[in-house]
Amino acid sequence: MRNKKILVVYFSKTGEQYSVGNITEGNTAIVAKMIAEQTGGSLFEIKLKNNTYPVAYTALTEVAKAEKNSNARPEIASDVSDFDSYDVVFIGGPVWWEDLPMAVYTFIDKHDWSGKIVVPFLTHEGSGLTSVPNNLKNATGAEMLDGLAIYGHIAQNERNKAKENVVNQLNKLGF
């Protein structure tokens, strides 16, 4: 895997978050940067074109639930222009209602995933990978590798421990 061109795509949220309080760098952003550093991959953050997500945790969960229930595809601000040149794509985000945020699916829908290898990575507070690997397989049709699941509070507050976890999981996958 080390000779493959790698892209690390992620959605991350700041503001009030479960179990870590009000944060200025998202849990998933922290993990994405660790993955990129360890694999030599390029980073791409999925951002909403009009960031209308609430800062308050409870309000955000209601918006996330409504988006999931309606299978929404929020408009994103930008895209990866050279997506076809990547062999391996790590796709990450926080677990929202046992899935990725719908903005991640907006990104997925924009691309041809033929011949790609996909590795999910999630930040969570106890739900692990949930149904995300299956959802990504269905959405992309790509070859899937085992995913990485990192506790958000560890990513945020125990970065050395999070990095060790990321490195160990990447080594098991051959990165």
Protein backbone atom coordinates (compact mmCIF):
# COMPACT_ATOMS: atom_id res chain seq x y z
CA MET A 1 0.00 0.00 0.00
CA ARG A 2 2.93 2.33 0.54
CA ASN A 3 3.41 2.90 -3.21
CA LYS A 4 -0.23 3.89 -3.77
CA LYS A 5 -1.37 7.49 -4.15
CA ILE A 6 -3.50 8.23 -1.10
CA LEU A 7 -6.24 10.77 -0.43
CA VAL A 8 -7.62 11.41 3.05
CA VAL A 9 -11.11 12.92 2.74
CA TYR A 10 -12.92 13.96 5.88
CA PHE A 11 -15.74 15.99 7.36
CA SER A 12 -15.19 17.36 10.84
CA LYS A 13 -17.15 19.63 13.16
CA THR A 14 -16.08 22.19 15.72
CA GLY A 15 -18.24 23.77 18.39
CA GLU A 16 -19.96 21.92 21.20
CA GLN A 17 -19.31 18.17 20.94
CA TYR A 18 -20.39 15.21 23.02
CA SER A 19 -17.99 14.41 25.88
CA VAL A 20 -15.30 16.92 24.85
CA GLY A 21 -17.06 20.26 25.26
CA ASN A 22 -16.57 23.24 22.96
CA ILE A 23 -13.73 22.52 20.54
CA THR A 24 -11.88 24.58 17.94
CA GLU A 25 -10.41 21.63 16.01
CA GLY A 26 -12.71 18.74 15.17
CA ASN A 27 -12.00 15.22 16.39
CA THR A 28 -12.07 13.80 12.87
CA ALA A 29 -9.74 16.53 11.58
CA ILE A 30 -7.20 15.49 14.20
CA VAL A 31 -7.38 11.83 13.11
CA ALA A 32 -7.34 12.73 9.40
CA LYS A 33 -4.11 14.66 9.86
CA MET A 34 -2.57 11.68 11.66
CA ILE A 35 -3.56 9.34 8.82
CA ALA A 36 -2.16 11.71 6.20
CA GLU A 37 1.08 12.08 8.13
CA GLN A 38 1.51 8.32 8.50
CA THR A 39 0.57 7.42 4.90
CA GLY A 40 1.93 10.44 3.03
CA GLY A 41 -1.60 11.06 1.78
CA SER A 42 -3.11 14.33 0.63
CA LEU A 43 -5.77 15.92 2.86
CA PHE A 44 -9.15 17.18 1.68
CA GLU A 45 -11.71 18.57 4.12
CA ILE A 46 -15.34 18.45 3.08
CA LYS A 47 -16.92 21.77 4.02
CA LEU A 48 -20.46 22.93 3.50
CA LYS A 49 -20.95 25.72 0.98
CA ASN A 50 -23.19 27.52 3.45
CA ASN A 51 -22.22 26.34 6.91
CA THR A 52 -25.61 26.42 8.58
CA TYR A 53 -24.96 23.70 11.14
CA PRO A 54 -25.73 24.77 14.70
CA VAL A 55 -22.82 25.12 17.12
CA ALA A 56 -24.82 23.65 20.02
CA TYR A 57 -24.60 19.85 20.23
CA THR A 58 -28.29 19.02 20.76
CA ALA A 59 -29.43 21.33 17.96
CA LEU A 60 -26.80 19.81 15.66
CA THR A 61 -28.02 16.28 16.38
CA GLU A 62 -31.54 17.26 15.33
CA VAL A 63 -30.31 18.72 12.04
CA ALA A 64 -28.15 15.65 11.42
CA LYS A 65 -31.10 13.36 12.11
CA ALA A 66 -33.35 15.30 9.72
CA GLU A 67 -30.68 15.17 7.00
CA LYS A 68 -30.23 11.44 7.42
CA ASN A 69 -33.97 10.77 7.44
CA SER A 70 -34.43 12.74 4.21
CA ASN A 71 -31.24 11.32 2.61
CA ALA A 72 -30.13 14.93 2.10
CA ARG A 73 -27.12 15.94 0.06
CA PRO A 74 -25.98 19.29 1.48
CA GLU A 75 -24.06 21.43 -0.98
CA ILE A 76 -20.32 21.34 -0.39
CA ALA A 77 -17.92 24.24 -0.92
CA SER A 78 -15.29 22.57 -3.12
CA ASP A 79 -14.06 19.32 -4.58
CA VAL A 80 -10.88 17.38 -5.37
CA SER A 81 -9.95 18.25 -8.95
CA ASP A 82 -7.57 15.30 -9.45
CA PHE A 83 -9.66 12.61 -7.75
CA ASP A 84 -9.06 10.09 -10.55
CA SER A 85 -5.31 10.09 -9.81
CA TYR A 86 -5.74 8.52 -6.35
CA ASP A 87 -5.61 4.78 -5.69
CA VAL A 88 -6.66 4.70 -2.03
CA VAL A 89 -9.22 6.99 -0.43
CA PHE A 90 -9.64 7.20 3.34
CA ILE A 91 -13.12 8.56 4.05
CA GLY A 92 -13.83 9.90 7.51
CA GLY A 93 -16.24 11.74 9.69
CA PRO A 94 -17.96 11.69 13.03
CA VAL A 95 -20.69 9.12 13.62
CA TRP A 96 -24.03 10.89 13.28
CA TRP A 97 -27.02 8.63 13.83
CA GLU A 98 -24.97 5.50 13.06
CA ASP A 99 -23.71 6.90 9.75
CA LEU A 100 -21.46 9.52 8.22
CA PRO A 101 -22.74 13.08 7.90
CA MET A 102 -24.73 13.47 4.70
CA ALA A 103 -22.21 15.99 3.33
CA VAL A 104 -19.79 13.06 2.94
CA TYR A 105 -22.29 11.37 0.64
CA THR A 106 -22.49 14.57 -1.40
CA PHE A 107 -18.76 14.17 -2.01
CA ILE A 108 -19.11 10.46 -2.77
CA ASP A 109 -21.87 11.05 -5.30
CA LYS A 110 -19.64 13.39 -7.31
CA HIS A 111 -17.04 10.73 -8.15
CA ASP A 112 -16.41 7.51 -10.01
CA TRP A 113 -15.08 4.99 -7.50
CA SER A 114 -14.10 2.30 -10.03
CA GLY A 115 -10.73 0.79 -9.15
CA LYS A 116 -10.46 2.65 -5.84
CA ILE A 117 -9.68 1.16 -2.45
CA VAL A 118 -11.68 2.80 0.34
CA VAL A 119 -10.79 2.86 4.03
CA PRO A 120 -13.40 4.31 6.40
CA PHE A 121 -12.32 6.12 9.55
CA LEU A 122 -14.66 7.43 12.21
CA THR A 123 -14.61 9.34 15.43
CA HIS A 124 -17.26 8.24 17.89
CA GLU A 125 -18.07 7.93 21.57
CA GLY A 126 -18.96 4.26 21.72
CA SER A 127 -20.62 3.28 18.47
CA GLY A 128 -17.48 2.16 16.64
CA LEU A 129 -17.78 1.74 12.88
CA THR A 130 -21.55 1.01 13.02
CA SER A 131 -22.98 0.39 9.53
CA VAL A 132 -20.62 2.84 7.82
CA PRO A 133 -18.43 0.27 6.01
CA ASN A 134 -21.52 -1.33 4.44
CA ASN A 135 -23.00 2.07 3.62
CA LEU A 136 -19.75 3.14 1.94
CA LYS A 137 -19.54 -0.13 0.00
CA ASN A 138 -23.08 0.44 -1.28
CA ALA A 139 -22.42 4.10 -2.10
CA THR A 140 -19.08 3.62 -3.85
CA GLY A 141 -18.96 0.02 -5.07
CA ALA A 142 -15.24 0.22 -4.29
CA GLU A 143 -13.01 -2.34 -2.63
CA MET A 144 -13.26 -1.79 1.13
CA LEU A 145 -10.57 -2.30 3.73
CA ASP A 146 -11.22 -2.57 7.45
CA GLY A 147 -11.91 0.80 8.96
CA LEU A 148 -10.46 2.76 11.85
CA ALA A 149 -12.65 3.81 14.75
CA ILE A 150 -11.19 6.28 17.24
CA TYR A 151 -12.92 7.70 20.30
CA GLY A 152 -13.43 11.43 19.84
CA HIS A 153 -12.42 12.23 23.41
CA ILE A 154 -9.14 10.36 22.90
CA ALA A 155 -8.44 12.17 19.62
CA GLN A 156 -9.17 15.48 21.32
CA ASN A 157 -7.59 14.98 24.75
CA GLU A 158 -5.05 12.14 24.46
CA ARG A 159 -3.43 12.73 21.09
CA ASN A 160 -0.41 10.51 21.71
CA LYS A 161 -2.71 7.61 22.53
CA ALA A 162 -4.85 8.38 19.47
CA LYS A 163 -1.77 8.51 17.24
CA GLU A 164 -0.55 5.16 18.58
CA ASN A 165 -3.98 3.68 17.84
CA VAL A 166 -3.99 5.13 14.31
CA VAL A 167 -0.45 3.89 13.59
CA ASN A 168 -1.28 0.39 14.88
CA GLN A 169 -4.46 0.15 12.81
CA LEU A 170 -2.70 1.46 9.68
CA ASN A 171 0.12 -1.05 10.13
CA LYS A 172 -2.44 -3.89 10.31
CA LEU A 173 -3.85 -2.66 6.98
CA GLY A 174 -0.42 -2.57 5.38
CA PHE A 175 0.21 1.19 5.45
